[in-house]
Amino acid sequence: MSGALADALGKLLASENGLAHSQFTLAQRGALDDFARKTGAVRLQSQGRGSLFRVIDRPLAEAHLRQLRPLQGDAVHDDLPIRAANVGMFRSSKGSAAGHACQYLILKSIDQSVRWHDGQGQEVDLPAITQLCGAATLAIRPADDWSSASPLWLVENQALFDDLRWLPTGACGTLCYYAGQLSGVVLDWLQAKPRASQIILFPDCDGIGLQNFARLRERVGDACEFWMIPGWRDLIQRYGNRKIWQDNLANFQDAVARLTALGMQPELADLCHALQSSAMALEQEVVFLSAGP
């Protein structure tokens, strides 16, 4: 309600002669009605065939708006970080757009040939940094020119980033840990220009994982692929999780609809059918059990 009231007061105070009732959303009208009853600082008046909100006590209305939004107008400088500006305007870092302009990718080299280039002559020797520090961090923005001539593997969970024994024979390139959800910044970055020779997503086989692949494929098309665990059909029956399936069913249904519209590959369609038939999800850590007894 405070957000609706702040928006409504901001619009109303910017007008000289009041604003028509229809100029406000239903939530804003309710907030103004409540504010009018409690303070008398604004009033709803009849005008012709309609009605309009008018400011009666401007100092009181302005003071209340300052309580809701301490920073307004020119006081919000362009160089403020988005979340800091949100605190100033909404008393919450999550108000309005709460994202960051850049994101930090956590990367590890799979083989010794991986290099990342920024398009301006700078090069990152990823194997050397991986050997020295265990991993590297790359600050990315959609407008940058970072790219590699090798494949980029995206994994959802840290266990697969820490232990590379699951990788197929001959795998090469960069491993990236994305912690459950591909962010909008990462998707924008991958879409902006070719970043790798191939993008390989290995998520959990559940609604969230498939939804992330749908979001990725909507951005980069056939430049990405969904990596299948060898023997996934038997693994679903042996290690599948029904609760995860149920918790993410809506995500699964959304993902299948989106992937179908994009032209789902037969093997991925088989996987989706198997998950749905068994009503179970498969977590990606099961890859370490794929050669089990």
C-alpha atoms as a PDB file:
ATOM      1  CA  MET A   1       0.000   0.000   0.000  1.00  0.00           C
ATOM      2  CA  SER A   2       2.849   2.440   0.784  1.00  0.00           C
ATOM      3  CA  GLY A   3       4.249   1.936  -2.717  1.00  0.00           C
ATOM      4  CA  ALA A   4       0.876   2.672  -4.312  1.00  0.00           C
ATOM      5  CA  LEU A   5       0.421   5.737  -2.115  1.00  0.00           C
ATOM      6  CA  ALA A   6       3.896   7.050  -2.931  1.00  0.00           C
ATOM      7  CA  ASP A   7       3.273   6.641  -6.661  1.00  0.00           C
ATOM      8  CA  ALA A   8      -0.114   8.334  -6.378  1.00  0.00           C
ATOM      9  CA  LEU A   9       1.150  11.249  -4.273  1.00  0.00           C
ATOM     10  CA  GLY A  10       4.068  11.750  -6.640  1.00  0.00           C
ATOM     11  CA  LYS A  11       1.709  12.082  -9.609  1.00  0.00           C
ATOM     12  CA  LEU A  12      -0.777  14.222  -7.731  1.00  0.00           C
ATOM     13  CA  LEU A  13       1.791  16.661  -6.345  1.00  0.00           C
ATOM     14  CA  ALA A  14       3.282  17.100  -9.824  1.00  0.00           C
ATOM     15  CA  SER A  15      -0.089  18.361 -11.106  1.00  0.00           C
ATOM     16  CA  GLU A  16      -1.298  21.919 -10.562  1.00  0.00           C
ATOM     17  CA  ASN A  17      -5.049  21.436 -10.605  1.00  0.00           C
ATOM     18  CA  GLY A  18      -5.509  17.853  -9.505  1.00  0.00           C
ATOM     19  CA  LEU A  19      -5.850  14.667 -11.530  1.00  0.00           C
ATOM     20  CA  ALA A  20      -8.855  12.727 -12.734  1.00  0.00           C
ATOM     21  CA  HIS A  21      -9.831   9.656 -10.742  1.00  0.00           C
ATOM     22  CA  SER A  22      -9.189   7.555 -13.870  1.00  0.00           C
ATOM     23  CA  GLN A  23      -5.511   8.621 -13.991  1.00  0.00           C
ATOM     24  CA  PHE A  24      -4.727   6.336 -11.047  1.00  0.00           C
ATOM     25  CA  THR A  25      -4.625   2.557 -10.766  1.00  0.00           C
ATOM     26  CA  LEU A  26      -7.118   0.769  -8.554  1.00  0.00           C
ATOM     27  CA  ALA A  27      -4.460   0.330  -5.847  1.00  0.00           C
ATOM     28  CA  GLN A  28      -3.471   4.003  -6.064  1.00  0.00           C
ATOM     29  CA  ARG A  29      -7.095   5.149  -5.802  1.00  0.00           C
ATOM     30  CA  GLY A  30      -7.602   3.011  -2.718  1.00  0.00           C
ATOM     31  CA  ALA A  31      -4.412   4.366  -1.158  1.00  0.00           C
ATOM     32  CA  LEU A  32      -5.442   7.972  -1.853  1.00  0.00           C
ATOM     33  CA  ASP A  33      -8.938   7.379  -0.457  1.00  0.00           C
ATOM     34  CA  ASP A  34      -7.439   5.996   2.750  1.00  0.00           C
ATOM     35  CA  PHE A  35      -4.900   8.825   2.952  1.00  0.00           C
ATOM     36  CA  ALA A  36      -7.667  11.412   2.445  1.00  0.00           C
ATOM     37  CA  ARG A  37      -9.773   9.963   5.276  1.00  0.00           C
ATOM     38  CA  LYS A  38      -6.842   9.862   7.688  1.00  0.00           C
ATOM     39  CA  THR A  39      -5.185  13.213   6.935  1.00  0.00           C
ATOM     40  CA  GLY A  40      -7.470  15.452   4.874  1.00  0.00           C
ATOM     41  CA  ALA A  41      -4.399  16.421   2.828  1.00  0.00           C
ATOM     42  CA  VAL A  42      -6.093  15.355  -0.411  1.00  0.00           C
ATOM     43  CA  ARG A  43      -9.738  15.196  -1.428  1.00  0.00           C
ATOM     44  CA  LEU A  44     -11.809  13.471  -4.080  1.00  0.00           C
ATOM     45  CA  GLN A  45     -14.108  16.044  -5.690  1.00  0.00           C
ATOM     46  CA  SER A  46     -16.834  15.791  -8.321  1.00  0.00           C
ATOM     47  CA  GLN A  47     -16.172  17.545 -11.602  1.00  0.00           C
ATOM     48  CA  GLY A  48     -18.641  17.331 -14.451  1.00  0.00           C
ATOM     49  CA  ARG A  49     -19.464  13.692 -15.075  1.00  0.00           C
ATOM     50  CA  GLY A  50     -16.362  12.472 -13.294  1.00  0.00           C
ATOM     51  CA  SER A  51     -14.246  13.126 -10.260  1.00  0.00           C
ATOM     52  CA  LEU A  52     -10.712  14.176  -9.501  1.00  0.00           C
ATOM     53  CA  PHE A  53      -8.225  14.055  -6.676  1.00  0.00           C
ATOM     54  CA  ARG A  54      -7.007  17.470  -5.525  1.00  0.00           C
ATOM     55  CA  VAL A  55      -4.282  18.430  -3.028  1.00  0.00           C
ATOM     56  CA  ILE A  56      -5.762  20.347  -0.069  1.00  0.00           C
ATOM     57  CA  ASP A  57      -2.739  20.534   2.235  1.00  0.00           C
ATOM     58  CA  ARG A  58       0.400  20.498   0.052  1.00  0.00           C
ATOM     59  CA  PRO A  59       2.990  20.750   2.890  1.00  0.00           C
ATOM     60  CA  LEU A  60       1.430  17.768   4.668  1.00  0.00           C
ATOM     61  CA  ALA A  61       1.221  15.719   1.463  1.00  0.00           C
ATOM     62  CA  GLU A  62       4.824  16.563   0.571  1.00  0.00           C
ATOM     63  CA  ALA A  63       6.015  15.679   4.069  1.00  0.00           C
ATOM     64  CA  HIS A  64       4.264  12.320   3.862  1.00  0.00           C
ATOM     65  CA  LEU A  65       5.789  11.613   0.462  1.00  0.00           C
ATOM     66  CA  ARG A  66       9.251  12.416   1.851  1.00  0.00           C
ATOM     67  CA  GLN A  67       8.646   9.845   4.590  1.00  0.00           C
ATOM     68  CA  LEU A  68       7.787   7.225   1.975  1.00  0.00           C
ATOM     69  CA  ARG A  69      10.526   8.232  -0.467  1.00  0.00           C
ATOM     70  CA  PRO A  70      13.391  10.149   1.160  1.00  0.00           C
ATOM     71  CA  LEU A  71      15.126  10.805  -2.177  1.00  0.00           C
ATOM     72  CA  GLN A  72      13.189  12.197  -5.114  1.00  0.00           C
ATOM     73  CA  GLY A  73      13.807  13.728  -8.508  1.00  0.00           C
ATOM     74  CA  ASP A  74      17.162  15.457  -8.927  1.00  0.00           C
ATOM     75  CA  ALA A  75      18.399  14.099  -5.590  1.00  0.00           C
ATOM     76  CA  VAL A  76      18.751  10.664  -7.219  1.00  0.00           C
ATOM     77  CA  HIS A  77      22.084  10.965  -9.030  1.00  0.00           C
ATOM     78  CA  ASP A  78      22.737   8.935 -12.168  1.00  0.00           C
ATOM     79  CA  ASP A  79      25.983   7.559 -10.755  1.00  0.00           C
ATOM     80  CA  LEU A  80      24.282   5.941  -7.750  1.00  0.00           C
ATOM     81  CA  PRO A  81      24.251   2.128  -7.797  1.00  0.00           C
ATOM     82  CA  ILE A  82      20.729   0.904  -8.589  1.00  0.00           C
ATOM     83  CA  ARG A  83      20.163  -0.730  -5.221  1.00  0.00           C
ATOM     84  CA  ALA A  84      21.434   2.342  -3.350  1.00  0.00           C
ATOM     85  CA  ALA A  85      19.027   4.529  -5.343  1.00  0.00           C
ATOM     86  CA  ASN A  86      16.248   2.078  -4.452  1.00  0.00           C
ATOM     87  CA  VAL A  87      17.005   2.502  -0.739  1.00  0.00           C
ATOM     88  CA  GLY A  88      16.841   6.278  -1.159  1.00  0.00           C
ATOM     89  CA  MET A  89      13.606   6.243  -3.143  1.00  0.00           C
ATOM     90  CA  PHE A  90      11.765   3.242  -1.718  1.00  0.00           C
ATOM     91  CA  ARG A  91      13.495   2.489   1.625  1.00  0.00           C
ATOM     92  CA  SER A  92      14.304  -0.935   0.178  1.00  0.00           C
ATOM     93  CA  SER A  93      17.158  -2.099  -2.037  1.00  0.00           C
ATOM     94  CA  LYS A  94      14.655  -4.312  -3.858  1.00  0.00           C
ATOM     95  CA  GLY A  95      12.336  -1.504  -4.890  1.00  0.00           C
ATOM     96  CA  SER A  96      11.861  -0.936  -8.625  1.00  0.00           C
ATOM     97  CA  ALA A  97      14.620  -2.490 -10.774  1.00  0.00           C
ATOM     98  CA  ALA A  98      16.949  -4.224  -8.325  1.00  0.00           C
ATOM     99  CA  GLY A  99      19.415  -5.900 -10.664  1.00  0.00           C
ATOM    100  CA  HIS A 100      23.104  -5.168 -11.152  1.00  0.00           C
ATOM    101  CA  ALA A 101      24.686  -3.910 -14.356  1.00  0.00           C
ATOM    102  CA  CYS A 102      27.372  -6.592 -14.255  1.00  0.00           C
ATOM    103  CA  GLN A 103      27.773 -10.106 -12.928  1.00  0.00           C
ATOM    104  CA  TYR A 104      30.789 -12.134 -11.880  1.00  0.00           C
ATOM    105  CA  LEU A 105      31.193 -15.516 -13.552  1.00  0.00           C
ATOM    106  CA  ILE A 106      33.040 -18.189 -11.583  1.00  0.00           C
ATOM    107  CA  LEU A 107      35.137 -20.096 -14.111  1.00  0.00           C
ATOM    108  CA  LYS A 108      37.498 -23.063 -14.182  1.00  0.00           C
ATOM    109  CA  SER A 109      39.487 -24.493 -17.086  1.00  0.00           C
ATOM    110  CA  ILE A 110      38.808 -28.063 -18.192  1.00  0.00           C
ATOM    111  CA  ASP A 111      41.931 -28.360 -20.355  1.00  0.00           C
ATOM    112  CA  GLN A 112      45.168 -26.439 -20.800  1.00  0.00           C
ATOM    113  CA  SER A 113      44.295 -24.578 -23.998  1.00  0.00           C
ATOM    114  CA  VAL A 114      41.543 -22.273 -22.717  1.00  0.00           C
ATOM    115  CA  ARG A 115      41.997 -18.547 -23.231  1.00  0.00           C
ATOM    116  CA  TRP A 116      39.508 -15.687 -22.881  1.00  0.00           C
ATOM    117  CA  HIS A 117      39.969 -12.495 -24.918  1.00  0.00           C
ATOM    118  CA  ASP A 118      38.414  -9.083 -24.351  1.00  0.00           C
ATOM    119  CA  GLY A 119      38.603  -7.912 -27.983  1.00  0.00           C
ATOM    120  CA  GLN A 120      41.136  -5.224 -27.086  1.00  0.00           C
ATOM    121  CA  GLY A 121      44.285  -7.315 -26.897  1.00  0.00           C
ATOM    122  CA  GLN A 122      43.904  -8.540 -23.317  1.00  0.00           C
ATOM    123  CA  GLU A 123      43.994 -12.285 -22.637  1.00  0.00           C
ATOM    124  CA  VAL A 124      43.069 -14.406 -19.609  1.00  0.00           C
ATOM    125  CA  ASP A 125      45.113 -17.580 -19.234  1.00  0.00           C
ATOM    126  CA  LEU A 126      42.387 -19.563 -17.475  1.00  0.00           C
ATOM    127  CA  PRO A 127      44.418 -22.760 -16.872  1.00  0.00           C
ATOM    128  CA  ALA A 128      47.148 -20.784 -15.097  1.00  0.00           C
ATOM    129  CA  ILE A 129      44.656 -18.989 -12.857  1.00  0.00           C
ATOM    130  CA  THR A 130      42.786 -22.233 -12.156  1.00  0.00           C
ATOM    131  CA  GLN A 131      46.022 -23.946 -11.142  1.00  0.00           C
ATOM    132  CA  LEU A 132      47.053 -21.031  -8.913  1.00  0.00           C
ATOM    133  CA  CYS A 133      43.707 -20.036  -7.367  1.00  0.00           C
ATOM    134  CA  GLY A 134      41.331 -22.921  -8.027  1.00  0.00           C
ATOM    135  CA  ALA A 135      39.020 -20.752 -10.134  1.00  0.00           C
ATOM    136  CA  ALA A 136      38.794 -17.365 -11.819  1.00  0.00           C
ATOM    137  CA  THR A 137      36.211 -14.596 -11.669  1.00  0.00           C
ATOM    138  CA  LEU A 138      35.222 -12.654 -14.784  1.00  0.00           C
ATOM    139  CA  ALA A 139      33.124  -9.488 -14.552  1.00  0.00           C
ATOM    140  CA  ILE A 140      30.714  -9.515 -17.493  1.00  0.00           C
ATOM    141  CA  ARG A 141      28.392  -6.939 -19.040  1.00  0.00           C
ATOM    142  CA  PRO A 142      26.293  -7.473 -22.160  1.00  0.00           C
ATOM    143  CA  ALA A 143      28.228  -4.746 -23.995  1.00  0.00           C
ATOM    144  CA  ASP A 144      31.674  -6.254 -23.371  1.00  0.00           C
ATOM    145  CA  ASP A 145      33.657  -8.331 -25.889  1.00  0.00           C
ATOM    146  CA  TRP A 146      34.830 -11.240 -23.747  1.00  0.00           C
ATOM    147  CA  SER A 147      34.873 -14.524 -25.664  1.00  0.00           C
ATOM    148  CA  SER A 148      36.653 -17.845 -25.933  1.00  0.00           C
ATOM    149  CA  ALA A 149      37.255 -20.179 -28.861  1.00  0.00           C
ATOM    150  CA  SER A 150      36.456 -23.160 -26.627  1.00  0.00           C
ATOM    151  CA  PRO A 151      33.161 -24.601 -25.341  1.00  0.00           C
ATOM    152  CA  LEU A 152      31.485 -23.118 -22.266  1.00  0.00           C
ATOM    153  CA  TRP A 153      29.925 -25.622 -19.839  1.00  0.00           C
ATOM    154  CA  LEU A 154      27.306 -24.261 -17.422  1.00  0.00           C
ATOM    155  CA  VAL A 155      26.634 -26.316 -14.283  1.00  0.00           C
ATOM    156  CA  GLU A 156      23.934 -25.658 -11.710  1.00  0.00           C
ATOM    157  CA  ASN A 157      25.509 -27.116  -8.555  1.00  0.00           C
ATOM    158  CA  GLN A 158      28.904 -26.603  -6.951  1.00  0.00           C
ATOM    159  CA  ALA A 159      29.683 -30.304  -6.533  1.00  0.00           C
ATOM    160  CA  LEU A 160      30.153 -30.620 -10.298  1.00  0.00           C
ATOM    161  CA  PHE A 161      32.292 -27.495 -10.401  1.00  0.00           C
ATOM    162  CA  ASP A 162      34.545 -28.827  -7.630  1.00  0.00           C
ATOM    163  CA  ASP A 163      34.979 -32.381  -8.968  1.00  0.00           C
ATOM    164  CA  LEU A 164      35.460 -32.792 -12.720  1.00  0.00           C
ATOM    165  CA  ARG A 165      35.458 -36.599 -12.858  1.00  0.00           C
ATOM    166  CA  TRP A 166      31.946 -36.580 -14.338  1.00  0.00           C
ATOM    167  CA  LEU A 167      33.036 -34.840 -17.524  1.00  0.00           C
ATOM    168  CA  PRO A 168      32.970 -37.032 -20.653  1.00  0.00           C
ATOM    169  CA  THR A 169      36.221 -38.186 -22.218  1.00  0.00           C
ATOM    170  CA  GLY A 170      37.627 -35.498 -24.480  1.00  0.00           C
ATOM    171  CA  ALA A 171      35.718 -32.634 -22.856  1.00  0.00           C
ATOM    172  CA  CYS A 172      37.449 -29.272 -23.128  1.00  0.00           C
ATOM    173  CA  GLY A 173      36.825 -25.601 -22.573  1.00  0.00           C
ATOM    174  CA  THR A 174      35.537 -23.624 -19.587  1.00  0.00           C
ATOM    175  CA  LEU A 175      33.368 -24.761 -16.705  1.00  0.00           C
ATOM    176  CA  CYS A 176      31.063 -22.101 -15.190  1.00  0.00           C
ATOM    177  CA  TYR A 177      29.083 -22.448 -11.949  1.00  0.00           C
ATOM    178  CA  TYR A 178      25.812 -20.514 -12.075  1.00  0.00           C
ATOM    179  CA  ALA A 179      24.181 -21.446  -8.753  1.00  0.00           C
ATOM    180  CA  GLY A 180      20.701 -22.565  -9.730  1.00  0.00           C
ATOM    181  CA  GLN A 181      19.327 -19.804 -11.954  1.00  0.00           C
ATOM    182  CA  LEU A 182      20.716 -18.206 -15.087  1.00  0.00           C
ATOM    183  CA  SER A 183      20.405 -14.489 -14.407  1.00  0.00           C
ATOM    184  CA  GLY A 184      19.123 -11.942 -16.867  1.00  0.00           C
ATOM    185  CA  VAL A 185      22.612 -10.419 -17.089  1.00  0.00           C
ATOM    186  CA  VAL A 186      24.137 -13.781 -18.075  1.00  0.00           C
ATOM    187  CA  LEU A 187      21.429 -14.397 -20.667  1.00  0.00           C
ATOM    188  CA  ASP A 188      21.827 -10.874 -22.083  1.00  0.00           C
ATOM    189  CA  TRP A 189      25.600 -11.392 -22.205  1.00  0.00           C
ATOM    190  CA  LEU A 190      25.356 -14.725 -23.998  1.00  0.00           C
ATOM    191  CA  GLN A 191      22.876 -13.286 -26.488  1.00  0.00           C
ATOM    192  CA  ALA A 192      24.822 -10.122 -27.263  1.00  0.00           C
ATOM    193  CA  LYS A 193      27.558 -11.893 -29.262  1.00  0.00           C
ATOM    194  CA  PRO A 194      29.134 -15.368 -29.620  1.00  0.00           C
ATOM    195  CA  ARG A 195      30.983 -16.036 -26.351  1.00  0.00           C
ATOM    196  CA  ALA A 196      32.210 -19.598 -26.949  1.00  0.00           C
ATOM    197  CA  SER A 197      32.372 -22.198 -29.690  1.00  0.00           C
ATOM    198  CA  GLN A 198      29.493 -24.011 -27.983  1.00  0.00           C
ATOM    199  CA  ILE A 199      27.325 -23.486 -24.867  1.00  0.00           C
ATOM    200  CA  ILE A 200      26.544 -26.668 -22.953  1.00  0.00           C
ATOM    201  CA  LEU A 201      24.031 -26.524 -20.111  1.00  0.00           C
ATOM    202  CA  PHE A 202      24.034 -29.314 -17.524  1.00  0.00           C
ATOM    203  CA  PRO A 203      21.289 -28.580 -14.969  1.00  0.00           C
ATOM    204  CA  ASP A 204      19.135 -30.728 -12.726  1.00  0.00           C
ATOM    205  CA  CYS A 205      16.579 -32.701 -14.737  1.00  0.00           C
ATOM    206  CA  ASP A 206      13.577 -30.946 -13.224  1.00  0.00           C
ATOM    207  CA  GLY A 207      11.297 -28.016 -13.958  1.00  0.00           C
ATOM    208  CA  ILE A 208      13.830 -25.361 -12.989  1.00  0.00           C
ATOM    209  CA  GLY A 209      16.637 -26.943 -14.991  1.00  0.00           C
ATOM    210  CA  LEU A 210      14.511 -27.358 -18.099  1.00  0.00           C
ATOM    211  CA  GLN A 211      13.126 -23.850 -17.711  1.00  0.00           C
ATOM    212  CA  ASN A 212      16.654 -22.459 -17.609  1.00  0.00           C
ATOM    213  CA  PHE A 213      17.440 -24.332 -20.821  1.00  0.00           C
ATOM    214  CA  ALA A 214      14.297 -22.947 -22.457  1.00  0.00           C
ATOM    215  CA  ARG A 215      15.312 -19.399 -21.444  1.00  0.00           C
ATOM    216  CA  LEU A 216      18.827 -19.992 -22.786  1.00  0.00           C
ATOM    217  CA  ARG A 217      17.639 -21.474 -26.072  1.00  0.00           C
ATOM    218  CA  GLU A 218      15.241 -18.598 -26.591  1.00  0.00           C
ATOM    219  CA  ARG A 219      18.274 -16.301 -26.482  1.00  0.00           C
ATOM    220  CA  VAL A 220      20.984 -18.211 -28.382  1.00  0.00           C
ATOM    221  CA  GLY A 221      19.090 -20.819 -30.395  1.00  0.00           C
ATOM    222  CA  ASP A 222      21.041 -23.834 -31.614  1.00  0.00           C
ATOM    223  CA  ALA A 223      24.287 -22.459 -30.174  1.00  0.00           C
ATOM    224  CA  CYS A 224      23.403 -24.239 -26.907  1.00  0.00           C
ATOM    225  CA  GLU A 225      22.698 -27.841 -25.985  1.00  0.00           C
ATOM    226  CA  PHE A 226      21.307 -29.719 -22.979  1.00  0.00           C
ATOM    227  CA  TRP A 227      23.833 -32.276 -21.733  1.00  0.00           C
ATOM    228  CA  MET A 228      22.301 -35.654 -20.909  1.00  0.00           C
ATOM    229  CA  ILE A 229      23.658 -37.890 -18.151  1.00  0.00           C
ATOM    230  CA  PRO A 230      24.650 -41.251 -19.673  1.00  0.00           C
ATOM    231  CA  GLY A 231      22.051 -43.849 -18.672  1.00  0.00           C
ATOM    232  CA  TRP A 232      19.564 -41.203 -17.548  1.00  0.00           C
ATOM    233  CA  ARG A 233      16.530 -43.422 -18.122  1.00  0.00           C
ATOM    234  CA  ASP A 234      17.628 -46.051 -15.589  1.00  0.00           C
ATOM    235  CA  LEU A 235      18.879 -43.370 -13.199  1.00  0.00           C
ATOM    236  CA  ILE A 236      15.431 -41.759 -13.050  1.00  0.00           C
ATOM    237  CA  GLN A 237      13.902 -45.036 -11.888  1.00  0.00           C
ATOM    238  CA  ARG A 238      16.671 -45.720  -9.397  1.00  0.00           C
ATOM    239  CA  TYR A 239      17.374 -42.262  -7.944  1.00  0.00           C
ATOM    240  CA  GLY A 240      14.486 -40.015  -9.034  1.00  0.00           C
ATOM    241  CA  ASN A 241      12.899 -37.652  -6.530  1.00  0.00           C
ATOM    242  CA  ARG A 242       9.117 -37.257  -6.486  1.00  0.00           C
ATOM    243  CA  LYS A 243       8.996 -34.241  -4.124  1.00  0.00           C
ATOM    244  CA  ILE A 244      11.293 -32.155  -6.327  1.00  0.00           C
ATOM    245  CA  TRP A 245       9.138 -33.095  -9.299  1.00  0.00           C
ATOM    246  CA  GLN A 246       5.970 -31.970  -7.539  1.00  0.00           C
ATOM    247  CA  ASP A 247       7.515 -28.747  -6.249  1.00  0.00           C
ATOM    248  CA  ASN A 248       8.618 -27.760  -9.771  1.00  0.00           C
ATOM    249  CA  LEU A 249       5.719 -29.111 -11.820  1.00  0.00           C
ATOM    250  CA  ALA A 250       4.539 -25.683 -12.979  1.00  0.00           C
ATOM    251  CA  ASN A 251       8.090 -24.851 -14.091  1.00  0.00           C
ATOM    252  CA  PHE A 252       8.274 -28.164 -15.964  1.00  0.00           C
ATOM    253  CA  GLN A 253       5.019 -27.505 -17.814  1.00  0.00           C
ATOM    254  CA  ASP A 254       6.162 -24.009 -18.757  1.00  0.00           C
ATOM    255  CA  ALA A 255       9.537 -25.314 -19.950  1.00  0.00           C
ATOM    256  CA  VAL A 256       8.014 -28.053 -22.114  1.00  0.00           C
ATOM    257  CA  ALA A 257       5.637 -25.582 -23.754  1.00  0.00           C
ATOM    258  CA  ARG A 258       8.459 -23.172 -24.526  1.00  0.00           C
ATOM    259  CA  LEU A 259      10.840 -25.860 -25.778  1.00  0.00           C
ATOM    260  CA  THR A 260       8.136 -27.405 -27.939  1.00  0.00           C
ATOM    261  CA  ALA A 261       7.517 -24.026 -29.545  1.00  0.00           C
ATOM    262  CA  LEU A 262      11.251 -23.777 -30.269  1.00  0.00           C
ATOM    263  CA  GLY A 263      11.411 -27.272 -31.776  1.00  0.00           C
ATOM    264  CA  MET A 264      12.510 -29.696 -29.067  1.00  0.00           C
ATOM    265  CA  GLN A 265      15.163 -32.242 -30.038  1.00  0.00           C
ATOM    266  CA  PRO A 266      13.957 -35.890 -29.914  1.00  0.00           C
ATOM    267  CA  GLU A 267      16.305 -37.000 -27.131  1.00  0.00           C
ATOM    268  CA  LEU A 268      15.303 -34.098 -24.908  1.00  0.00           C
ATOM    269  CA  ALA A 269      11.642 -34.820 -25.667  1.00  0.00           C
ATOM    270  CA  ASP A 270      12.250 -38.432 -24.570  1.00  0.00           C
ATOM    271  CA  LEU A 271      13.775 -37.189 -21.315  1.00  0.00           C
ATOM    272  CA  CYS A 272      10.800 -34.902 -20.635  1.00  0.00           C
ATOM    273  CA  HIS A 273       8.390 -37.756 -21.347  1.00  0.00           C
ATOM    274  CA  ALA A 274      10.289 -40.073 -18.993  1.00  0.00           C
ATOM    275  CA  LEU A 275      10.291 -37.487 -16.204  1.00  0.00           C
ATOM    276  CA  GLN A 276       6.572 -36.884 -16.640  1.00  0.00           C
ATOM    277  CA  SER A 277       5.706 -40.587 -16.831  1.00  0.00           C
ATOM    278  CA  SER A 278       7.618 -41.384 -13.657  1.00  0.00           C
ATOM    279  CA  ALA A 279       6.590 -38.120 -11.931  1.00  0.00           C
ATOM    280  CA  MET A 280      10.155 -37.823 -10.665  1.00  0.00           C
ATOM    281  CA  ALA A 281      13.011 -35.354 -11.081  1.00  0.00           C
ATOM    282  CA  LEU A 282      16.688 -36.234 -11.291  1.00  0.00           C
ATOM    283  CA  GLU A 283      19.354 -34.134  -9.595  1.00  0.00           C
ATOM    284  CA  GLN A 284      22.556 -33.640 -11.543  1.00  0.00           C
ATOM    285  CA  GLU A 285      24.829 -34.987  -8.775  1.00  0.00           C
ATOM    286  CA  VAL A 286      23.554 -38.454  -9.732  1.00  0.00           C
ATOM    287  CA  VAL A 287      26.122 -38.300 -12.540  1.00  0.00           C
ATOM    288  CA  PHE A 288      28.657 -39.560  -9.988  1.00  0.00           C
ATOM    289  CA  LEU A 289      26.453 -42.639  -9.462  1.00  0.00           C
ATOM    290  CA  SER A 290      25.945 -43.370 -13.143  1.00  0.00           C
ATOM    291  CA  ALA A 291      28.669 -46.006 -13.073  1.00  0.00           C
ATOM    292  CA  GLY A 292      27.493 -47.394  -9.700  1.00  0.00           C
ATOM    293  CA  PRO A 293      26.775 -51.035  -8.820  1.00  0.00           C
END
